[in-house]
C-alpha atoms as a PDB file:
ATOM      1  CA  MET A   1      89.809 323.945 -55.499  1.00  0.00           C
ATOM      2  CA  ARG A   2      87.710 321.678 -53.335  1.00  0.00           C
ATOM      3  CA  THR A   3      87.694 319.038 -56.084  1.00  0.00           C
ATOM      4  CA  LEU A   4      91.461 319.387 -56.474  1.00  0.00           C
ATOM      5  CA  VAL A   5      92.015 318.803 -52.761  1.00  0.00           C
ATOM      6  CA  GLY A   6      89.293 316.136 -52.567  1.00  0.00           C
ATOM      7  CA  SER A   7      90.710 314.106 -55.437  1.00  0.00           C
ATOM      8  CA  GLY A   8      94.266 314.405 -54.157  1.00  0.00           C
ATOM      9  CA  THR A   9      95.684 314.716 -57.653  1.00  0.00           C
ATOM     10  CA  GLY A  10      98.529 317.127 -58.056  1.00  0.00           C
ATOM     11  CA  THR A  11     101.832 317.819 -56.429  1.00  0.00           C
ATOM     12  CA  ALA A  12     102.092 318.055 -52.662  1.00  0.00           C
ATOM     13  CA  ARG A  13     102.988 321.732 -52.992  1.00  0.00           C
ATOM     14  CA  MET A  14      99.912 322.444 -55.116  1.00  0.00           C
ATOM     15  CA  LEU A  15      97.608 320.612 -52.702  1.00  0.00           C
ATOM     16  CA  THR A  16      99.088 322.440 -49.711  1.00  0.00           C
ATOM     17  CA  HIS A  17      98.678 325.815 -51.429  1.00  0.00           C
ATOM     18  CA  ALA A  18      95.066 324.941 -52.308  1.00  0.00           C
ATOM     19  CA  ARG A  19      94.388 323.981 -48.670  1.00  0.00           C
ATOM     20  CA  ILE A  20      95.901 327.283 -47.519  1.00  0.00           C
ATOM     21  CA  LEU A  21      93.623 329.260 -49.838  1.00  0.00           C
ATOM     22  CA  LEU A  22      90.550 327.253 -48.835  1.00  0.00           C
ATOM     23  CA  LYS A  23      91.155 327.878 -45.137  1.00  0.00           C
ATOM     24  CA  ALA A  24      91.905 331.572 -45.762  1.00  0.00           C
ATOM     25  CA  ASN A  25      88.679 332.036 -47.757  1.00  0.00           C
ATOM     26  CA  GLN A  26      86.161 334.382 -46.153  1.00  0.00           C
ATOM     27  CA  GLY A  27      82.998 332.993 -47.691  1.00  0.00           C
ATOM     28  CA  GLU A  28      79.526 331.954 -46.640  1.00  0.00           C
ATOM     29  CA  GLY A  29      81.001 329.476 -44.158  1.00  0.00           C
ATOM     30  CA  GLY A  30      82.178 332.334 -41.967  1.00  0.00           C
ATOM     31  CA  PRO A  31      85.407 334.224 -41.557  1.00  0.00           C
ATOM     32  CA  GLY A  32      88.641 332.764 -42.849  1.00  0.00           C
ATOM     33  CA  TRP A  33      91.336 331.393 -40.607  1.00  0.00           C
ATOM     34  CA  THR A  34      94.263 333.491 -39.419  1.00  0.00           C
ATOM     35  CA  ASP A  35      97.694 332.916 -40.899  1.00  0.00           C
ATOM     36  CA  ALA A  36      98.963 331.451 -37.638  1.00  0.00           C
ATOM     37  CA  ALA A  37      96.024 329.011 -37.393  1.00  0.00           C
ATOM     38  CA  ILE A  38      96.506 327.876 -41.007  1.00  0.00           C
ATOM     39  CA  ALA A  39     100.252 327.426 -40.488  1.00  0.00           C
ATOM     40  CA  GLY A  40      99.643 325.321 -37.395  1.00  0.00           C
ATOM     41  CA  ALA A  41      96.922 323.181 -38.940  1.00  0.00           C
ATOM     42  CA  LEU A  42      98.813 322.440 -42.157  1.00  0.00           C
ATOM     43  CA  GLU A  43     102.272 322.269 -40.558  1.00  0.00           C
ATOM     44  CA  VAL A  44     103.780 324.939 -42.798  1.00  0.00           C
ATOM     45  CA  GLY A  45     105.552 328.169 -41.946  1.00  0.00           C
ATOM     46  CA  ARG A  46     103.602 331.349 -41.421  1.00  0.00           C
ATOM     47  CA  ALA A  47     105.687 332.978 -44.173  1.00  0.00           C
ATOM     48  CA  THR A  48     104.458 330.298 -46.586  1.00  0.00           C
ATOM     49  CA  VAL A  49     100.843 331.148 -45.799  1.00  0.00           C
ATOM     50  CA  GLU A  50     101.523 334.871 -46.238  1.00  0.00           C
ATOM     51  CA  ARG A  51     103.354 334.272 -49.540  1.00  0.00           C
ATOM     52  CA  VAL A  52     100.552 332.100 -50.971  1.00  0.00           C
ATOM     53  CA  ARG A  53      97.902 334.669 -50.005  1.00  0.00           C
ATOM     54  CA  GLN A  54      99.983 337.518 -51.472  1.00  0.00           C
ATOM     55  CA  THR A  55     100.587 335.626 -54.718  1.00  0.00           C
ATOM     56  CA  TYR A  56      96.869 334.873 -55.019  1.00  0.00           C
ATOM     57  CA  ALA A  57      95.967 338.525 -54.448  1.00  0.00           C
ATOM     58  CA  THR A  58      98.503 339.975 -56.879  1.00  0.00           C
ATOM     59  CA  VAL A  59      98.944 337.396 -59.653  1.00  0.00           C
ATOM     60  CA  GLY A  60      95.968 335.036 -59.426  1.00  0.00           C
ATOM     61  CA  LEU A  61      94.903 331.510 -58.593  1.00  0.00           C
ATOM     62  CA  GLU A  62      97.031 329.629 -61.111  1.00  0.00           C
ATOM     63  CA  ALA A  63     100.183 331.373 -59.928  1.00  0.00           C
ATOM     64  CA  ALA A  64      99.301 330.763 -56.278  1.00  0.00           C
ATOM     65  CA  LEU A  65      98.965 327.033 -56.913  1.00  0.00           C
ATOM     66  CA  ALA A  66     101.978 326.768 -59.217  1.00  0.00           C
ATOM     67  CA  ARG A  67     105.577 327.039 -58.196  1.00  0.00           C
ATOM     68  CA  GLU A  68     106.815 330.549 -57.495  1.00  0.00           C
ATOM     69  CA  VAL A  69     109.402 330.317 -60.249  1.00  0.00           C
ATOM     70  CA  ALA A  70     106.707 329.675 -62.850  1.00  0.00           C
ATOM     71  CA  ALA A  71     104.837 332.786 -61.733  1.00  0.00           C
ATOM     72  CA  TRP A  72     108.000 334.873 -61.942  1.00  0.00           C
ATOM     73  CA  GLU A  73     108.828 333.467 -65.381  1.00  0.00           C
ATOM     74  CA  GLU A  74     105.384 334.312 -66.696  1.00  0.00           C
ATOM     75  CA  ARG A  75     105.564 337.852 -65.342  1.00  0.00           C
ATOM     76  CA  ARG A  76     109.106 338.304 -66.707  1.00  0.00           C
ATOM     77  CA  ASN A  77     108.231 336.920 -70.138  1.00  0.00           C
ATOM     78  CA  THR A  78     105.115 339.083 -70.549  1.00  0.00           C
ATOM     79  CA  THR A  79     106.818 342.335 -69.506  1.00  0.00           C
ATOM     80  CA  PRO A  80     108.392 344.089 -72.494  1.00  0.00           C
ATOM     81  CA  CYS A  81     112.002 345.092 -72.015  1.00  0.00           C
ATOM     82  CA  THR A  82     114.923 346.281 -74.091  1.00  0.00           C
ATOM     83  CA  ILE A  83     118.574 345.339 -74.027  1.00  0.00           C
ATOM     84  CA  ASN A  84     121.333 347.907 -74.156  1.00  0.00           C
ATOM     85  CA  TRP A  85     124.209 346.042 -75.783  1.00  0.00           C
ATOM     86  CA  ARG A  86     127.478 347.720 -74.861  1.00  0.00           C
ATOM     87  CA  PHE A  87     129.844 345.077 -76.196  1.00  0.00           C
ATOM     88  CA  THR A  88     129.625 345.229 -79.992  1.00  0.00           C
ATOM     89  CA  THR A  89     130.921 342.637 -82.425  1.00  0.00           C
ATOM     90  CA  ALA A  90     133.796 344.873 -83.451  1.00  0.00           C
ATOM     91  CA  ASP A  91     134.810 345.341 -79.801  1.00  0.00           C
ATOM     92  CA  ALA A  92     134.596 341.585 -79.255  1.00  0.00           C
ATOM     93  CA  ARG A  93     136.922 340.865 -82.165  1.00  0.00           C
ATOM     94  CA  ILE A  94     139.540 343.226 -80.742  1.00  0.00           C
ATOM     95  CA  LYS A  95     139.180 342.176 -77.104  1.00  0.00           C
ATOM     96  CA  LEU A  96     139.013 338.420 -77.737  1.00  0.00           C
ATOM     97  CA  LYS A  97     141.586 338.260 -80.519  1.00  0.00           C
ATOM     98  CA  HIS A  98     144.078 336.437 -78.279  1.00  0.00           C
ATOM     99  CA  LEU A  99     141.628 333.532 -77.855  1.00  0.00           C
ATOM    100  CA  TYR A 100     141.580 332.629 -81.534  1.00  0.00           C
ATOM    101  CA  PRO A 101     144.558 331.213 -83.398  1.00  0.00           C
ATOM    102  CA  SER A 102     145.898 333.062 -86.403  1.00  0.00           C
ATOM    103  CA  PHE A 103     146.929 331.012 -89.409  1.00  0.00           C
ATOM    104  CA  GLN A 104     149.671 332.402 -91.576  1.00  0.00           C
ATOM    105  CA  GLU A 105     150.252 331.113 -95.040  1.00  0.00           C
END
């Protein structure tokens, strides 16, 4: 992440999220910054800092740096689900019959 921020390549959102995670890191450099301190230093909302940290903790680094929609899409697309179709083709033909013209010979 340091190289990402140092090079400055990437979207502004991605760079900001990387800076948030770097300042929140509790590594060998000492304790991480508080959410309020990060929000003030980077001029973002405190909710943004909390959301980025939560996304990193639950989904991972790539999702924390990417847009939130992409993370939700990935989670939605990898979760198996079933569809309970209640409107069958036969029902559709009866219900929507008035929308289609009838040709008489």
